[in-house]
Amino acid sequence: MRVNRIDIPNVSNNSTFSYCRKLINQGTDPEEWLEVYRNKDYWDYRMKIGWGAKMRVKEDPYPHLVKSNPPPALKASAKHTGVLH
């Protein structure tokens, strides 16, 4: 899936990961690649949508990737579906 950066709402450190969770909730295959472009020729970064849905940026004291801690209801859902929403 090819996406322009300006099409991802609320551009922040966590917005792409939130966008991946939104795509999963809409039924997108978690194994599909998300390619985020700044212009039409070169992608800035890419990730599998399922991986991105499980991640977030923690900023204490510096930005770094960590696994997302979903609310308990979503953890229960992930046990049944194998996908963290």
C-alpha atoms as a PDB file:
ATOM      1  CA  MET A   1       0.000   0.000   0.000  1.00  0.00           C
ATOM      2  CA  ARG A   2       1.460   3.328  -1.058  1.00  0.00           C
ATOM      3  CA  VAL A   3       0.630   6.418   1.051  1.00  0.00           C
ATOM      4  CA  ASN A   4       1.773  10.043   0.885  1.00  0.00           C
ATOM      5  CA  ARG A   5       2.893  11.462   4.259  1.00  0.00           C
ATOM      6  CA  ILE A   6       0.341  14.266   4.059  1.00  0.00           C
ATOM      7  CA  ASP A   7      -2.457  11.668   3.846  1.00  0.00           C
ATOM      8  CA  ILE A   8      -1.667  10.326   7.329  1.00  0.00           C
ATOM      9  CA  PRO A   9      -3.662  12.354   9.879  1.00  0.00           C
ATOM     10  CA  ASN A  10      -1.914  14.121  12.785  1.00  0.00           C
ATOM     11  CA  VAL A  11       1.668  13.701  11.612  1.00  0.00           C
ATOM     12  CA  SER A  12       3.678  12.964  14.759  1.00  0.00           C
ATOM     13  CA  ASN A  13       6.067  10.278  15.936  1.00  0.00           C
ATOM     14  CA  ASN A  14       3.160   7.892  16.541  1.00  0.00           C
ATOM     15  CA  SER A  15       0.832   8.813  13.675  1.00  0.00           C
ATOM     16  CA  THR A  16       2.056   6.137  11.246  1.00  0.00           C
ATOM     17  CA  PHE A  17       1.658   3.436  13.887  1.00  0.00           C
ATOM     18  CA  SER A  18      -1.851   4.728  14.676  1.00  0.00           C
ATOM     19  CA  TYR A  19      -2.594   4.678  10.951  1.00  0.00           C
ATOM     20  CA  CYS A  20      -1.489   1.017  10.804  1.00  0.00           C
ATOM     21  CA  ARG A  21      -3.910   0.194  13.634  1.00  0.00           C
ATOM     22  CA  LYS A  22      -6.679   1.988  11.717  1.00  0.00           C
ATOM     23  CA  LEU A  23      -5.895  -0.045   8.580  1.00  0.00           C
ATOM     24  CA  ILE A  24      -5.999  -3.307  10.564  1.00  0.00           C
ATOM     25  CA  ASN A  25      -9.391  -2.308  12.007  1.00  0.00           C
ATOM     26  CA  GLN A  26     -10.616  -1.715   8.440  1.00  0.00           C
ATOM     27  CA  GLY A  27      -9.611  -5.243   7.470  1.00  0.00           C
ATOM     28  CA  THR A  28      -6.286  -4.633   5.715  1.00  0.00           C
ATOM     29  CA  ASP A  29      -3.986  -7.668   5.591  1.00  0.00           C
ATOM     30  CA  PRO A  30      -1.370  -7.263   8.376  1.00  0.00           C
ATOM     31  CA  GLU A  31       1.262  -8.822   6.102  1.00  0.00           C
ATOM     32  CA  GLU A  32       0.845  -6.043   3.509  1.00  0.00           C
ATOM     33  CA  TRP A  33       3.639  -3.453   3.275  1.00  0.00           C
ATOM     34  CA  LEU A  34       2.897   0.207   4.026  1.00  0.00           C
ATOM     35  CA  GLU A  35       5.206   2.514   2.082  1.00  0.00           C
ATOM     36  CA  VAL A  36       5.156   6.147   3.181  1.00  0.00           C
ATOM     37  CA  TYR A  37       6.313   8.638   0.548  1.00  0.00           C
ATOM     38  CA  ARG A  38       7.461  12.241   0.877  1.00  0.00           C
ATOM     39  CA  ASN A  39       7.367  12.689  -2.878  1.00  0.00           C
ATOM     40  CA  LYS A  40       6.338  10.374  -5.696  1.00  0.00           C
ATOM     41  CA  ASP A  41       9.743   8.838  -6.408  1.00  0.00           C
ATOM     42  CA  TYR A  42      11.252   7.721  -3.094  1.00  0.00           C
ATOM     43  CA  TRP A  43       9.669   6.257   0.006  1.00  0.00           C
ATOM     44  CA  ASP A  44      10.711   7.627   3.408  1.00  0.00           C
ATOM     45  CA  TYR A  45      10.102   4.345   5.178  1.00  0.00           C
ATOM     46  CA  ARG A  46       8.169   1.117   4.897  1.00  0.00           C
ATOM     47  CA  MET A  47       6.878  -1.463   7.309  1.00  0.00           C
ATOM     48  CA  LYS A  48       4.478  -4.365   7.448  1.00  0.00           C
ATOM     49  CA  ILE A  49       1.133  -3.036   8.598  1.00  0.00           C
ATOM     50  CA  GLY A  50       0.795  -5.693  11.320  1.00  0.00           C
ATOM     51  CA  TRP A  51       4.206  -4.800  12.755  1.00  0.00           C
ATOM     52  CA  GLY A  52       3.406  -1.068  12.697  1.00  0.00           C
ATOM     53  CA  ALA A  53       0.106  -1.697  14.486  1.00  0.00           C
ATOM     54  CA  LYS A  54       2.021  -3.222  17.407  1.00  0.00           C
ATOM     55  CA  MET A  55       4.521  -0.370  17.824  1.00  0.00           C
ATOM     56  CA  ARG A  56       4.618   3.157  19.235  1.00  0.00           C
ATOM     57  CA  VAL A  57       7.250   5.801  19.969  1.00  0.00           C
ATOM     58  CA  LYS A  58       8.095   6.389  23.611  1.00  0.00           C
ATOM     59  CA  GLU A  59       9.796   9.705  24.334  1.00  0.00           C
ATOM     60  CA  ASP A  60      11.417   9.449  27.734  1.00  0.00           C
ATOM     61  CA  PRO A  61      14.070  10.837  27.775  1.00  0.00           C
ATOM     62  CA  TYR A  62      14.675  10.266  24.031  1.00  0.00           C
ATOM     63  CA  PRO A  63      12.475   8.876  21.216  1.00  0.00           C
ATOM     64  CA  HIS A  64      12.652   5.088  20.790  1.00  0.00           C
ATOM     65  CA  LEU A  65      10.362   2.293  19.563  1.00  0.00           C
ATOM     66  CA  VAL A  66       8.488   0.116  22.021  1.00  0.00           C
ATOM     67  CA  LYS A  67       5.625  -2.344  21.712  1.00  0.00           C
ATOM     68  CA  SER A  68       2.284  -0.645  22.166  1.00  0.00           C
ATOM     69  CA  ASN A  69       0.409  -1.301  25.402  1.00  0.00           C
ATOM     70  CA  PRO A  70      -3.215  -1.606  24.307  1.00  0.00           C
ATOM     71  CA  PRO A  71      -6.171  -1.399  26.681  1.00  0.00           C
ATOM     72  CA  PRO A  72      -7.202  -4.787  28.199  1.00  0.00           C
ATOM     73  CA  ALA A  73     -10.168  -5.146  25.795  1.00  0.00           C
ATOM     74  CA  LEU A  74      -7.824  -5.001  22.802  1.00  0.00           C
ATOM     75  CA  LYS A  75      -5.430  -7.483  24.404  1.00  0.00           C
ATOM     76  CA  ALA A  76      -8.325  -9.927  24.739  1.00  0.00           C
ATOM     77  CA  SER A  77      -9.260  -9.344  21.095  1.00  0.00           C
ATOM     78  CA  ALA A  78      -5.673 -10.006  20.004  1.00  0.00           C
ATOM     79  CA  LYS A  79      -5.703 -13.383  21.768  1.00  0.00           C
ATOM     80  CA  HIS A  80      -8.663 -14.483  19.653  1.00  0.00           C
ATOM     81  CA  THR A  81      -7.605 -13.004  16.307  1.00  0.00           C
ATOM     82  CA  GLY A  82      -3.817 -13.014  16.601  1.00  0.00           C
ATOM     83  CA  VAL A  83      -3.831  -9.327  15.589  1.00  0.00           C
ATOM     84  CA  LEU A  84      -3.357  -6.376  17.881  1.00  0.00           C
ATOM     85  CA  HIS A  85      -5.756  -3.609  16.824  1.00  0.00           C
END
